[in-house]
Amino acid sequence: MYAIYDLKSKEQCIGIFDYRKDAADYLGIHKDSLSRCIQKKQLIKNRYEIVKIKEE
């Protein structure tokens, strides 16, 4: 699961997605770009933070 936070809107959670592809489609980017941003802890479009939620 993946959560997307909008850091320019007081860190508001704007979506929780089951799959990486769904989160990438929502942001309009490729799923591989999303993975790189998660690994390098980079913001997407200088605004969105992606957090991978561990499933137990």
PDB file of N, CA and C in Angstrom:
ATOM      1  N   MET A   1       0.836  -1.182   0.000  1.00  0.00           N
ATOM      2  CA  MET A   1       0.000   0.000   0.000  1.00  0.00           C
ATOM      3  C   MET A   1       0.881   1.246   0.000  1.00  0.00           C
ATOM      4  N   TYR A   2       0.363   2.280  -0.623  1.00  0.00           N
ATOM      5  CA  TYR A   2       1.105   3.526  -0.763  1.00  0.00           C
ATOM      6  C   TYR A   2       0.209   4.702  -0.373  1.00  0.00           C
ATOM      7  N   ALA A   3       0.761   5.627   0.392  1.00  0.00           N
ATOM      8  CA  ALA A   3       0.037   6.840   0.773  1.00  0.00           C
ATOM      9  C   ALA A   3       0.721   8.035   0.121  1.00  0.00           C
ATOM     10  N   ILE A   4      -0.075   8.972  -0.345  1.00  0.00           N
ATOM     11  CA  ILE A   4       0.441  10.187  -0.973  1.00  0.00           C
ATOM     12  C   ILE A   4       0.062  11.367  -0.093  1.00  0.00           C
ATOM     13  N   TYR A   5       1.077  12.164   0.259  1.00  0.00           N
ATOM     14  CA  TYR A   5       0.866  13.353   1.093  1.00  0.00           C
ATOM     15  C   TYR A   5       1.213  14.604   0.295  1.00  0.00           C
ATOM     16  N   ASP A   6       0.388  15.616   0.416  1.00  0.00           N
ATOM     17  CA  ASP A   6       0.617  16.902  -0.230  1.00  0.00           C
ATOM     18  C   ASP A   6       1.285  17.819   0.789  1.00  0.00           C
ATOM     19  N   LEU A   7       2.573  18.050   0.617  1.00  0.00           N
ATOM     20  CA  LEU A   7       3.337  18.832   1.593  1.00  0.00           C
ATOM     21  C   LEU A   7       3.046  20.326   1.516  1.00  0.00           C
ATOM     22  N   LYS A   8       2.481  20.790   0.414  1.00  0.00           N
ATOM     23  CA  LYS A   8       2.145  22.211   0.315  1.00  0.00           C
ATOM     24  C   LYS A   8       0.743  22.492   0.839  1.00  0.00           C
ATOM     25  N   SER A   9       0.073  21.455   1.265  1.00  0.00           N
ATOM     26  CA  SER A   9      -1.263  21.614   1.820  1.00  0.00           C
ATOM     27  C   SER A   9      -1.293  21.034   3.230  1.00  0.00           C
ATOM     28  N   LYS A  10      -0.321  21.461   4.031  1.00  0.00           N
ATOM     29  CA  LYS A  10      -0.206  21.056   5.438  1.00  0.00           C
ATOM     30  C   LYS A  10      -0.122  19.540   5.620  1.00  0.00           C
ATOM     31  N   GLU A  11       0.615  18.889   4.743  1.00  0.00           N
ATOM     32  CA  GLU A  11       0.873  17.443   4.815  1.00  0.00           C
ATOM     33  C   GLU A  11      -0.406  16.612   4.817  1.00  0.00           C
ATOM     34  N   GLN A  12      -1.377  17.059   4.071  1.00  0.00           N
ATOM     35  CA  GLN A  12      -2.652  16.363   3.991  1.00  0.00           C
ATOM     36  C   GLN A  12      -2.504  15.090   3.165  1.00  0.00           C
ATOM     37  N   CYS A  13      -3.062  13.987   3.643  1.00  0.00           N
ATOM     38  CA  CYS A  13      -3.061  12.738   2.899  1.00  0.00           C
ATOM     39  C   CYS A  13      -4.104  12.862   1.793  1.00  0.00           C
ATOM     40  N   ILE A  14      -3.667  12.723   0.550  1.00  0.00           N
ATOM     41  CA  ILE A  14      -4.604  12.887  -0.564  1.00  0.00           C
ATOM     42  C   ILE A  14      -5.007  11.559  -1.181  1.00  0.00           C
ATOM     43  N   GLY A  15      -4.381  10.476  -0.747  1.00  0.00           N
ATOM     44  CA  GLY A  15      -4.795   9.188  -1.288  1.00  0.00           C
ATOM     45  C   GLY A  15      -4.011   8.032  -0.717  1.00  0.00           C
ATOM     46  N   ILE A  16      -4.691   6.897  -0.637  1.00  0.00           N
ATOM     47  CA  ILE A  16      -4.051   5.643  -0.243  1.00  0.00           C
ATOM     48  C   ILE A  16      -4.380   4.634  -1.331  1.00  0.00           C
ATOM     49  N   PHE A  17      -3.348   4.012  -1.855  1.00  0.00           N
ATOM     50  CA  PHE A  17      -3.507   3.119  -2.997  1.00  0.00           C
ATOM     51  C   PHE A  17      -2.937   1.746  -2.673  1.00  0.00           C
ATOM     52  N   ASP A  18      -3.592   0.718  -3.180  1.00  0.00           N
ATOM     53  CA  ASP A  18      -3.135  -0.654  -2.961  1.00  0.00           C
ATOM     54  C   ASP A  18      -1.910  -0.982  -3.801  1.00  0.00           C
ATOM     55  N   TYR A  19      -1.841  -0.403  -4.998  1.00  0.00           N
ATOM     56  CA  TYR A  19      -0.766  -0.757  -5.926  1.00  0.00           C
ATOM     57  C   TYR A  19       0.022   0.476  -6.357  1.00  0.00           C
ATOM     58  N   ARG A  20       1.300   0.243  -6.630  1.00  0.00           N
ATOM     59  CA  ARG A  20       2.197   1.312  -7.070  1.00  0.00           C
ATOM     60  C   ARG A  20       1.702   1.937  -8.369  1.00  0.00           C
ATOM     61  N   LYS A  21       1.205   1.115  -9.278  1.00  0.00           N
ATOM     62  CA  LYS A  21       0.715   1.627 -10.563  1.00  0.00           C
ATOM     63  C   LYS A  21      -0.457   2.579 -10.367  1.00  0.00           C
ATOM     64  N   ASP A  22      -1.354   2.266  -9.439  1.00  0.00           N
ATOM     65  CA  ASP A  22      -2.500   3.144  -9.182  1.00  0.00           C
ATOM     66  C   ASP A  22      -2.049   4.509  -8.657  1.00  0.00           C
ATOM     67  N   ALA A  23      -1.077   4.504  -7.759  1.00  0.00           N
ATOM     68  CA  ALA A  23      -0.549   5.763  -7.223  1.00  0.00           C
ATOM     69  C   ALA A  23       0.150   6.567  -8.320  1.00  0.00           C
ATOM     70  N   ALA A  24       0.914   5.880  -9.161  1.00  0.00           N
ATOM     71  CA  ALA A  24       1.620   6.549 -10.254  1.00  0.00           C
ATOM     72  C   ALA A  24       0.626   7.146 -11.259  1.00  0.00           C
ATOM     73  N   ASP A  25      -0.414   6.393 -11.588  1.00  0.00           N
ATOM     74  CA  ASP A  25      -1.435   6.903 -12.512  1.00  0.00           C
ATOM     75  C   ASP A  25      -2.123   8.133 -11.945  1.00  0.00           C
ATOM     76  N   TYR A  26      -2.388   8.138 -10.655  1.00  0.00           N
ATOM     77  CA  TYR A  26      -3.029   9.276 -10.003  1.00  0.00           C
ATOM     78  C   TYR A  26      -2.172  10.542 -10.144  1.00  0.00           C
ATOM     79  N   LEU A  27      -0.854  10.357 -10.015  1.00  0.00           N
ATOM     80  CA  LEU A  27       0.063  11.502 -10.109  1.00  0.00           C
ATOM     81  C   LEU A  27       0.480  11.815 -11.539  1.00  0.00           C
ATOM     82  N   GLY A  28       0.142  10.941 -12.474  1.00  0.00           N
ATOM     83  CA  GLY A  28       0.498  11.167 -13.875  1.00  0.00           C
ATOM     84  C   GLY A  28       1.955  10.901 -14.186  1.00  0.00           C
ATOM     85  N   ILE A  29       2.555   9.943 -13.481  1.00  0.00           N
ATOM     86  CA  ILE A  29       3.948   9.588 -13.736  1.00  0.00           C
ATOM     87  C   ILE A  29       4.045   8.077 -13.957  1.00  0.00           C
ATOM     88  N   HIS A  30       5.210   7.629 -14.393  1.00  0.00           N
ATOM     89  CA  HIS A  30       5.448   6.201 -14.612  1.00  0.00           C
ATOM     90  C   HIS A  30       5.725   5.519 -13.273  1.00  0.00           C
ATOM     91  N   LYS A  31       5.308   4.268 -13.145  1.00  0.00           N
ATOM     92  CA  LYS A  31       5.472   3.570 -11.863  1.00  0.00           C
ATOM     93  C   LYS A  31       6.937   3.394 -11.476  1.00  0.00           C
ATOM     94  N   ASP A  32       7.854   3.317 -12.464  1.00  0.00           N
ATOM     95  CA  ASP A  32       9.279   3.209 -12.146  1.00  0.00           C
ATOM     96  C   ASP A  32       9.806   4.518 -11.551  1.00  0.00           C
ATOM     97  N   SER A  33       9.289   5.646 -12.026  1.00  0.00           N
ATOM     98  CA  SER A  33       9.663   6.944 -11.462  1.00  0.00           C
ATOM     99  C   SER A  33       9.198   7.046 -10.015  1.00  0.00           C
ATOM    100  N   LEU A  34       8.020   6.532  -9.764  1.00  0.00           N
ATOM    101  CA  LEU A  34       7.486   6.524  -8.403  1.00  0.00           C
ATOM    102  C   LEU A  34       8.384   5.704  -7.485  1.00  0.00           C
ATOM    103  N   SER A  35       8.822   4.549  -7.962  1.00  0.00           N
ATOM    104  CA  SER A  35       9.698   3.685  -7.162  1.00  0.00           C
ATOM    105  C   SER A  35      11.014   4.372  -6.834  1.00  0.00           C
ATOM    106  N   ARG A  36      11.599   5.062  -7.814  1.00  0.00           N
ATOM    107  CA  ARG A  36      12.860   5.775  -7.583  1.00  0.00           C
ATOM    108  C   ARG A  36      12.682   6.873  -6.547  1.00  0.00           C
ATOM    109  N   CYS A  37      11.585   7.582  -6.613  1.00  0.00           N
ATOM    110  CA  CYS A  37      11.327   8.654  -5.645  1.00  0.00           C
ATOM    111  C   CYS A  37      11.163   8.094  -4.234  1.00  0.00           C
ATOM    112  N   ILE A  38      10.534   6.941  -4.130  1.00  0.00           N
ATOM    113  CA  ILE A  38      10.368   6.310  -2.816  1.00  0.00           C
ATOM    114  C   ILE A  38      11.724   5.894  -2.268  1.00  0.00           C
ATOM    115  N   GLN A  39      12.546   5.259  -3.108  1.00  0.00           N
ATOM    116  CA  GLN A  39      13.863   4.780  -2.669  1.00  0.00           C
ATOM    117  C   GLN A  39      14.775   5.923  -2.261  1.00  0.00           C
ATOM    118  N   LYS A  40      14.747   7.016  -3.029  1.00  0.00           N
ATOM    119  CA  LYS A  40      15.643   8.142  -2.759  1.00  0.00           C
ATOM    120  C   LYS A  40      15.025   9.185  -1.840  1.00  0.00           C
ATOM    121  N   LYS A  41      13.780   8.927  -1.400  1.00  0.00           N
ATOM    122  CA  LYS A  41      13.048   9.840  -0.525  1.00  0.00           C
ATOM    123  C   LYS A  41      12.956  11.248  -1.119  1.00  0.00           C
ATOM    124  N   GLN A  42      12.616  11.294  -2.414  1.00  0.00           N
ATOM    125  CA  GLN A  42      12.463  12.558  -3.120  1.00  0.00           C
ATOM    126  C   GLN A  42      10.988  12.902  -3.248  1.00  0.00           C
ATOM    127  N   LEU A  43      10.713  14.187  -3.365  1.00  0.00           N
ATOM    128  CA  LEU A  43       9.349  14.630  -3.595  1.00  0.00           C
ATOM    129  C   LEU A  43       9.019  14.510  -5.077  1.00  0.00           C
ATOM    130  N   ILE A  44       7.768  14.268  -5.357  1.00  0.00           N
ATOM    131  CA  ILE A  44       7.298  14.232  -6.737  1.00  0.00           C
ATOM    132  C   ILE A  44       6.674  15.582  -7.036  1.00  0.00           C
ATOM    133  N   LYS A  45       7.107  16.161  -8.143  1.00  0.00           N
ATOM    134  CA  LYS A  45       6.637  17.487  -8.564  1.00  0.00           C
ATOM    135  C   LYS A  45       6.874  18.534  -7.478  1.00  0.00           C
ATOM    136  N   ASN A  46       7.940  18.361  -6.696  1.00  0.00           N
ATOM    137  CA  ASN A  46       8.308  19.264  -5.599  1.00  0.00           C
ATOM    138  C   ASN A  46       7.161  19.495  -4.619  1.00  0.00           C
ATOM    139  N   ARG A  47       6.304  18.507  -4.478  1.00  0.00           N
ATOM    140  CA  ARG A  47       5.128  18.712  -3.652  1.00  0.00           C
ATOM    141  C   ARG A  47       4.650  17.453  -2.937  1.00  0.00           C
ATOM    142  N   TYR A  48       4.683  16.324  -3.602  1.00  0.00           N
ATOM    143  CA  TYR A  48       4.066  15.109  -3.069  1.00  0.00           C
ATOM    144  C   TYR A  48       5.095  14.148  -2.495  1.00  0.00           C
ATOM    145  N   GLU A  49       4.803  13.661  -1.300  1.00  0.00           N
ATOM    146  CA  GLU A  49       5.639  12.653  -0.664  1.00  0.00           C
ATOM    147  C   GLU A  49       4.894  11.323  -0.725  1.00  0.00           C
ATOM    148  N   ILE A  50       5.589  10.281  -1.121  1.00  0.00           N
ATOM    149  CA  ILE A  50       5.006   8.951  -1.210  1.00  0.00           C
ATOM    150  C   ILE A  50       5.580   8.115  -0.070  1.00  0.00           C
ATOM    151  N   VAL A  51       4.690   7.443   0.645  1.00  0.00           N
ATOM    152  CA  VAL A  51       5.110   6.611   1.760  1.00  0.00           C
ATOM    153  C   VAL A  51       4.583   5.203   1.523  1.00  0.00           C
ATOM    154  N   LYS A  52       5.485   4.242   1.569  1.00  0.00           N
ATOM    155  CA  LYS A  52       5.064   2.850   1.427  1.00  0.00           C
ATOM    156  C   LYS A  52       4.619   2.362   2.805  1.00  0.00           C
ATOM    157  N   ILE A  53       3.398   1.852   2.857  1.00  0.00           N
ATOM    158  CA  ILE A  53       2.842   1.359   4.110  1.00  0.00           C
ATOM    159  C   ILE A  53       3.084  -0.128   4.187  1.00  0.00           C
ATOM    160  N   LYS A  54       3.751  -0.560   5.259  1.00  0.00           N
ATOM    161  CA  LYS A  54       4.041  -1.977   5.415  1.00  0.00           C
ATOM    162  C   LYS A  54       2.779  -2.739   5.771  1.00  0.00           C
ATOM    163  N   GLU A  55       2.614  -3.846   5.096  1.00  0.00           N
ATOM    164  CA  GLU A  55       1.495  -4.729   5.411  1.00  0.00           C
ATOM    165  C   GLU A  55       2.003  -5.864   6.258  1.00  0.00           C
ATOM    166  N   GLU A  56       1.267  -6.200   7.287  1.00  0.00           N
ATOM    167  CA  GLU A  56       1.708  -7.276   8.183  1.00  0.00           C
ATOM    168  C   GLU A  56       0.729  -8.404   8.173  1.00  0.00           C
TER     169      GLU A  56
END
